[in-house]
C-alpha atoms as a PDB file:
ATOM      1  CA  MET A   1       0.000   0.000   0.000  1.00  0.00           C
ATOM      2  CA  THR A   2       1.173   3.478  -0.740  1.00  0.00           C
ATOM      3  CA  ILE A   3      -0.126   6.570   0.972  1.00  0.00           C
ATOM      4  CA  THR A   4      -0.026   9.889  -0.792  1.00  0.00           C
ATOM      5  CA  ASP A   5      -1.122  13.324   0.321  1.00  0.00           C
ATOM      6  CA  THR A   6      -2.677  14.967  -2.720  1.00  0.00           C
ATOM      7  CA  ASN A   7      -1.906  18.392  -1.251  1.00  0.00           C
ATOM      8  CA  ARG A   8       1.860  17.840  -1.415  1.00  0.00           C
ATOM      9  CA  THR A   9       4.133  18.296  -4.377  1.00  0.00           C
ATOM     10  CA  ALA A  10       5.382  15.407  -6.470  1.00  0.00           C
ATOM     11  CA  GLN A  11       8.821  15.690  -4.875  1.00  0.00           C
ATOM     12  CA  SER A  12       7.499  14.640  -1.477  1.00  0.00           C
ATOM     13  CA  GLY A  13       6.479  11.231  -2.778  1.00  0.00           C
ATOM     14  CA  GLY A  14       4.490   8.638  -0.901  1.00  0.00           C
ATOM     15  CA  THR A  15       5.106   6.139   1.820  1.00  0.00           C
ATOM     16  CA  THR A  16       4.565   2.409   1.872  1.00  0.00           C
ATOM     17  CA  ILE A  17       2.520   1.456   4.921  1.00  0.00           C
ATOM     18  CA  HIS A  18       1.669  -1.750   6.747  1.00  0.00           C
ATOM     19  CA  PRO A  19      -1.985  -2.810   7.116  1.00  0.00           C
ATOM     20  CA  SER A  20      -1.853  -2.024  10.846  1.00  0.00           C
ATOM     21  CA  GLU A  21      -0.756   1.525   9.978  1.00  0.00           C
ATOM     22  CA  LEU A  22      -3.720   1.820   7.614  1.00  0.00           C
ATOM     23  CA  ARG A  23      -6.083   0.769  10.394  1.00  0.00           C
ATOM     24  CA  GLN A  24      -4.573   3.433  12.657  1.00  0.00           C
ATOM     25  CA  LEU A  25      -4.794   6.067   9.911  1.00  0.00           C
ATOM     26  CA  LEU A  26      -8.479   5.278   9.390  1.00  0.00           C
ATOM     27  CA  VAL A  27      -9.086   5.745  13.124  1.00  0.00           C
ATOM     28  CA  GLU A  28      -7.157   9.033  13.223  1.00  0.00           C
ATOM     29  CA  ASP A  29      -8.637  10.392   9.987  1.00  0.00           C
ATOM     30  CA  PRO A  30     -11.898   8.673   9.002  1.00  0.00           C
ATOM     31  CA  GLY A  31     -11.957  10.760   5.814  1.00  0.00           C
ATOM     32  CA  THR A  32      -9.011   8.795   4.436  1.00  0.00           C
ATOM     33  CA  ARG A  33      -9.818   7.320   1.019  1.00  0.00           C
ATOM     34  CA  ILE A  34      -8.547   3.938  -0.130  1.00  0.00           C
ATOM     35  CA  LEU A  35      -8.199   3.684  -3.906  1.00  0.00           C
ATOM     36  CA  ASP A  36      -7.609   0.197  -5.248  1.00  0.00           C
ATOM     37  CA  VAL A  37      -5.933   0.607  -8.641  1.00  0.00           C
ATOM     38  CA  ARG A  38      -6.135  -3.062  -9.618  1.00  0.00           C
ATOM     39  CA  THR A  39      -8.431  -4.296 -12.370  1.00  0.00           C
ATOM     40  CA  GLY A  40     -12.133  -4.672 -11.737  1.00  0.00           C
ATOM     41  CA  GLY A  41     -11.761  -8.454 -11.751  1.00  0.00           C
ATOM     42  CA  GLU A  42      -9.039  -8.367  -9.112  1.00  0.00           C
ATOM     43  CA  PHE A  43     -11.125  -5.988  -7.011  1.00  0.00           C
ATOM     44  CA  GLU A  44     -14.164  -8.266  -7.266  1.00  0.00           C
ATOM     45  CA  GLY A  45     -12.049 -11.200  -6.086  1.00  0.00           C
ATOM     46  CA  ALA A  46     -11.042  -9.460  -2.859  1.00  0.00           C
ATOM     47  CA  HIS A  47     -10.653  -5.912  -1.627  1.00  0.00           C
ATOM     48  CA  ILE A  48     -10.367  -3.808   1.497  1.00  0.00           C
ATOM     49  CA  PRO A  49     -13.841  -2.983   2.831  1.00  0.00           C
ATOM     50  CA  GLY A  50     -14.703   0.630   2.069  1.00  0.00           C
ATOM     51  CA  SER A  51     -12.158   0.940  -0.727  1.00  0.00           C
ATOM     52  CA  PHE A  52     -12.980   2.338  -4.159  1.00  0.00           C
ATOM     53  CA  ASN A  53     -11.907   0.612  -7.358  1.00  0.00           C
ATOM     54  CA  VAL A  54     -10.294   2.970  -9.856  1.00  0.00           C
ATOM     55  CA  PRO A  55      -8.271   0.772 -12.238  1.00  0.00           C
ATOM     56  CA  LEU A  56      -4.936   2.306 -13.158  1.00  0.00           C
ATOM     57  CA  ASP A  57      -5.914   2.636 -16.828  1.00  0.00           C
ATOM     58  CA  MET A  58      -8.939   4.739 -15.791  1.00  0.00           C
ATOM     59  CA  LEU A  59      -7.189   6.883 -13.188  1.00  0.00           C
ATOM     60  CA  ALA A  60      -6.657   9.814 -15.566  1.00  0.00           C
ATOM     61  CA  GLU A  61     -10.438  10.298 -15.653  1.00  0.00           C
ATOM     62  CA  HIS A  62     -10.494  10.742 -11.862  1.00  0.00           C
ATOM     63  CA  VAL A  63      -7.332  12.778 -11.186  1.00  0.00           C
ATOM     64  CA  GLY A  64      -9.256  16.012 -10.579  1.00  0.00           C
ATOM     65  CA  ALA A  65     -11.635  14.427  -8.082  1.00  0.00           C
ATOM     66  CA  VAL A  66      -8.782  12.787  -6.193  1.00  0.00           C
ATOM     67  CA  ALA A  67      -6.760  16.012  -6.153  1.00  0.00           C
ATOM     68  CA  ASP A  68      -9.696  17.825  -4.536  1.00  0.00           C
ATOM     69  CA  LEU A  69      -9.783  15.472  -1.548  1.00  0.00           C
ATOM     70  CA  GLU A  70      -8.729  17.072   1.724  1.00  0.00           C
ATOM     71  CA  HIS A  71      -7.777  13.796   3.396  1.00  0.00           C
ATOM     72  CA  PRO A  72      -5.015  11.255   2.783  1.00  0.00           C
ATOM     73  CA  VAL A  73      -5.385   8.861  -0.124  1.00  0.00           C
ATOM     74  CA  VAL A  74      -4.092   5.309   0.196  1.00  0.00           C
ATOM     75  CA  LEU A  75      -3.338   3.591  -3.102  1.00  0.00           C
ATOM     76  CA  VAL A  76      -3.606  -0.193  -3.146  1.00  0.00           C
ATOM     77  CA  CYS A  77      -2.590  -2.816  -5.707  1.00  0.00           C
ATOM     78  CA  GLN A  78      -1.197  -6.351  -5.758  1.00  0.00           C
ATOM     79  CA  SER A  79       2.538  -5.648  -5.500  1.00  0.00           C
ATOM     80  CA  GLY A  80       2.944  -1.890  -5.126  1.00  0.00           C
ATOM     81  CA  ALA A  81       3.984  -1.277  -8.742  1.00  0.00           C
ATOM     82  CA  ARG A  82       0.622   0.028  -9.954  1.00  0.00           C
ATOM     83  CA  ALA A  83       0.153   2.064  -6.774  1.00  0.00           C
ATOM     84  CA  THR A  84       3.520   3.719  -7.406  1.00  0.00           C
ATOM     85  CA  THR A  85       2.527   4.475 -11.013  1.00  0.00           C
ATOM     86  CA  ALA A  86      -0.824   5.833  -9.800  1.00  0.00           C
ATOM     87  CA  GLN A  87       0.959   8.058  -7.302  1.00  0.00           C
ATOM     88  CA  ALA A  88       3.123   9.513 -10.070  1.00  0.00           C
ATOM     89  CA  LYS A  89       0.016  10.205 -12.182  1.00  0.00           C
ATOM     90  CA  LEU A  90      -1.759  11.893  -9.274  1.00  0.00           C
ATOM     91  CA  ASN A  91       1.250  14.039  -8.441  1.00  0.00           C
ATOM     92  CA  ALA A  92       1.937  15.057 -12.065  1.00  0.00           C
END
């Protein structure tokens, strides 16, 4: 999982977090959004409750909405590669 603050510049980057850290973040800031950037099929197979599926190839259509969020955004994928790519797209 990668966490990114959409109010920071691209240079600040994101941070990989452990599931226990995500649980704590959700307690501290219930407005935190979890974006699962895997395919719809992967998302249907299993996903974090409360997460939103925005496949990486469709992320460009949602960049503005994500950028307007005032809370942290956690990007989730299978290995971290797509989440890292999504972070770069959001911070561009």
